[in-house]
């Protein structure tokens, strides 16, 4: 198996209303997205929606979550697969998220999974594991990322997309 960098995007001065990976090659087996983000939301914790092909429907997810003092679970019908601290969180803190898209080019419905964490350097922290399904058989050719509750994704947020190719020998190489 090999892992190849497709594209790295870092948000510049002034922030961005969205980040988009376009023309994703269909030559890989899976996709892997790493996110480090912060938004202008007025809340301590926000989410980053990750919309395959800019989709807005046919999404469902189950989330396991922890806050450092409590644990729980919930369901979602929006595409928030990543946590992000908002403007009222401790300054200069960013989320850490990894999202996996297996068989993204297949003609089956698309499953996704992610693990995400933010820290507030105060009493609150959030950790979540997502198991999601986009009920659409279209191959994923783009990923649109937006703040769930805010207007902008802030400067220095970064997003890195990798393509993963299955190998017959069971080893992983990064190029």
Protein backbone atom coordinates (compact mmCIF):
# COMPACT_ATOMS: atom_id res chain seq x y z
CA UNK A 1 0.00 0.00 0.00
CA UNK A 2 1.27 3.50 -0.75
CA UNK A 3 0.21 6.91 0.47
CA UNK A 4 0.65 9.88 -1.92
CA UNK A 5 0.17 13.58 -1.23
CA UNK A 6 -2.58 14.93 -3.51
CA UNK A 7 -2.76 18.51 -2.20
CA UNK A 8 -2.01 20.67 0.86
CA UNK A 9 -4.04 23.85 1.49
CA UNK A 10 -3.23 26.43 4.17
CA UNK A 11 -5.72 29.24 4.73
CA UNK A 12 -4.16 32.66 4.25
CA UNK A 13 -4.67 36.11 5.72
CA UNK A 14 -8.31 37.06 6.23
CA UNK A 15 -9.52 33.47 6.39
CA UNK A 16 -11.73 31.68 3.86
CA UNK A 17 -15.45 30.95 3.66
CA UNK A 18 -14.57 27.53 2.26
CA UNK A 19 -11.71 25.26 1.30
CA UNK A 20 -12.12 22.91 -1.63
CA UNK A 21 -10.19 20.03 -3.10
CA UNK A 22 -11.24 19.72 -6.75
CA UNK A 23 -10.49 17.24 -9.53
CA UNK A 24 -9.53 14.48 -7.09
CA UNK A 25 -7.83 11.74 -9.14
CA UNK A 26 -9.80 8.48 -9.34
CA UNK A 27 -6.61 6.37 -9.34
CA UNK A 28 -6.40 5.62 -5.62
CA UNK A 29 -8.17 3.06 -3.47
CA UNK A 30 -8.95 5.37 -0.52
CA UNK A 31 -8.58 9.00 0.56
CA UNK A 32 -7.13 10.31 3.83
CA UNK A 33 -7.68 13.93 4.92
CA UNK A 34 -5.81 15.63 7.77
CA UNK A 35 -7.28 18.86 9.16
CA UNK A 36 -6.00 21.45 11.61
CA UNK A 37 -8.61 24.17 11.79
CA UNK A 38 -10.09 27.11 13.68
CA UNK A 39 -13.19 29.17 12.81
CA UNK A 40 -14.73 32.55 13.59
CA UNK A 41 -17.79 30.97 15.23
CA UNK A 42 -18.85 32.63 18.47
CA UNK A 43 -18.88 29.24 20.18
CA UNK A 44 -15.99 27.48 21.94
CA UNK A 45 -16.39 24.48 19.65
CA UNK A 46 -17.49 24.48 16.04
CA UNK A 47 -17.43 21.87 13.32
CA UNK A 48 -15.99 21.68 9.84
CA UNK A 49 -18.41 20.21 7.34
CA UNK A 50 -16.82 17.97 4.71
CA UNK A 51 -19.14 17.69 1.72
CA UNK A 52 -18.21 15.17 -0.99
CA UNK A 53 -18.99 16.68 -4.42
CA UNK A 54 -20.59 19.65 -2.55
CA UNK A 55 -23.47 17.38 -1.49
CA UNK A 56 -26.01 18.64 1.03
CA UNK A 57 -28.24 15.56 1.40
CA UNK A 58 -28.21 11.80 2.02
CA UNK A 59 -25.79 11.95 4.94
CA UNK A 60 -26.02 10.22 8.31
CA UNK A 61 -23.52 9.72 11.11
CA UNK A 62 -23.13 8.26 14.56
CA UNK A 63 -20.75 10.04 16.92
CA UNK A 64 -19.06 8.94 20.12
CA UNK A 65 -17.92 11.95 22.12
CA UNK A 66 -16.12 12.93 25.26
CA UNK A 67 -15.50 16.27 26.91
CA UNK A 68 -12.99 15.37 29.59
CA UNK A 69 -15.80 15.22 32.15
CA UNK A 70 -18.56 13.34 30.31
CA UNK A 71 -19.10 10.90 27.46
CA UNK A 72 -22.00 10.28 25.14
CA UNK A 73 -23.16 9.63 21.63
CA UNK A 74 -25.36 11.32 19.08
CA UNK A 75 -26.52 11.14 15.50
CA UNK A 76 -26.07 13.71 12.74
CA UNK A 77 -27.57 14.48 9.38
CA UNK A 78 -25.14 17.28 8.48
CA UNK A 79 -21.65 16.70 7.14
CA UNK A 80 -19.63 17.81 10.19
CA UNK A 81 -16.76 15.33 10.35
CA UNK A 82 -14.27 17.58 12.12
CA UNK A 83 -14.21 19.66 15.27
CA UNK A 84 -12.75 23.19 15.20
CA UNK A 85 -12.35 25.69 18.02
CA UNK A 86 -14.38 28.86 17.57
CA UNK A 87 -13.46 32.46 18.35
CA UNK A 88 -14.31 32.17 22.05
CA UNK A 89 -11.89 29.25 22.55
CA UNK A 90 -8.37 29.87 23.81
CA UNK A 91 -6.52 31.89 21.16
CA UNK A 92 -4.10 30.13 18.82
CA UNK A 93 -5.54 26.65 19.45
CA UNK A 94 -6.48 24.47 16.50
CA UNK A 95 -8.23 21.14 16.05
CA UNK A 96 -6.59 17.91 14.99
CA UNK A 97 -8.65 15.63 12.74
CA UNK A 98 -8.06 12.60 10.52
CA UNK A 99 -10.79 11.52 8.07
CA UNK A 100 -10.74 8.29 6.06
CA UNK A 101 -12.76 7.71 2.86
CA UNK A 102 -12.51 4.04 1.81
CA UNK A 103 -13.41 3.08 -1.78
CA UNK A 104 -14.17 6.71 -2.67
CA UNK A 105 -14.26 6.02 -6.43
CA UNK A 106 -16.54 2.97 -6.26
CA UNK A 107 -20.18 2.83 -7.37
CA UNK A 108 -21.29 1.99 -3.80
CA UNK A 109 -22.54 4.32 -1.06
CA UNK A 110 -19.61 6.09 0.59
CA UNK A 111 -18.64 5.38 4.18
CA UNK A 112 -16.39 7.78 6.10
CA UNK A 113 -14.79 7.73 9.51
CA UNK A 114 -12.93 10.35 11.49
CA UNK A 115 -11.42 11.12 14.83
CA UNK A 116 -11.20 14.70 15.98
CA UNK A 117 -10.12 16.68 19.04
CA UNK A 118 -9.98 20.31 20.17
CA UNK A 119 -8.49 21.81 23.30
CA UNK A 120 -9.56 25.00 25.01
CA UNK A 121 -6.82 25.21 27.66
CA UNK A 122 -9.63 25.70 30.16
CA UNK A 123 -12.25 23.41 31.64
CA UNK A 124 -13.51 22.18 28.26
CA UNK A 125 -12.14 19.89 25.61
CA UNK A 126 -13.93 17.85 22.97
CA UNK A 127 -13.04 14.49 21.45
CA UNK A 128 -15.18 12.75 18.85
CA UNK A 129 -15.14 9.64 16.70
CA UNK A 130 -17.45 9.69 13.69
CA UNK A 131 -18.84 6.82 11.61
CA UNK A 132 -20.66 8.30 8.63
CA UNK A 133 -22.44 7.30 5.45
CA UNK A 134 -23.12 9.35 2.34
CA UNK A 135 -25.89 7.45 0.57
CA UNK A 136 -24.73 8.23 -2.94
CA UNK A 137 -23.08 5.95 -5.48
CA UNK A 138 -21.25 8.76 -7.30
CA UNK A 139 -17.45 8.69 -7.12
CA UNK A 140 -16.00 11.44 -4.90
CA UNK A 141 -14.29 13.95 -7.20
CA UNK A 142 -14.19 16.94 -4.84
CA UNK A 143 -14.37 17.77 -1.13
CA UNK A 144 -15.87 21.08 0.04
CA UNK A 145 -15.01 22.17 3.61
CA UNK A 146 -16.88 24.92 5.50
CA UNK A 147 -17.44 26.10 9.07
CA UNK A 148 -20.60 24.55 10.52
CA UNK A 149 -21.56 27.47 12.81
CA UNK A 150 -19.27 30.30 11.73
CA UNK A 151 -18.66 32.26 8.55
CA UNK A 152 -14.93 31.70 8.01
CA UNK A 153 -12.21 29.15 8.47
CA UNK A 154 -9.38 31.17 9.99
CA UNK A 155 -5.84 31.87 8.85
CA UNK A 156 -3.26 29.11 9.48
CA UNK A 157 -5.90 26.36 9.28
CA UNK A 158 -4.49 23.61 7.09
CA UNK A 159 -5.90 20.66 5.17
CA UNK A 160 -3.85 17.89 3.57
CA UNK A 161 -5.34 15.26 1.26
CA UNK A 162 -3.62 11.94 0.54
CA UNK A 163 -4.48 9.16 -1.88
CA UNK A 164 -3.94 5.62 -0.65
CA UNK A 165 -3.30 2.79 -3.08
CA UNK A 166 -3.74 -0.78 -1.94
CA UNK A 167 -0.72 -2.99 -2.47
CA UNK A 168 -0.44 -6.73 -2.67
CA UNK A 169 2.52 -7.01 -0.28
CA UNK A 170 0.82 -5.46 2.75
CA UNK A 171 3.41 -2.69 3.27
CA UNK A 172 2.86 1.06 3.27
CA UNK A 173 5.17 3.56 1.67
CA UNK A 174 4.75 7.33 1.78
CA UNK A 175 5.78 9.40 -1.22
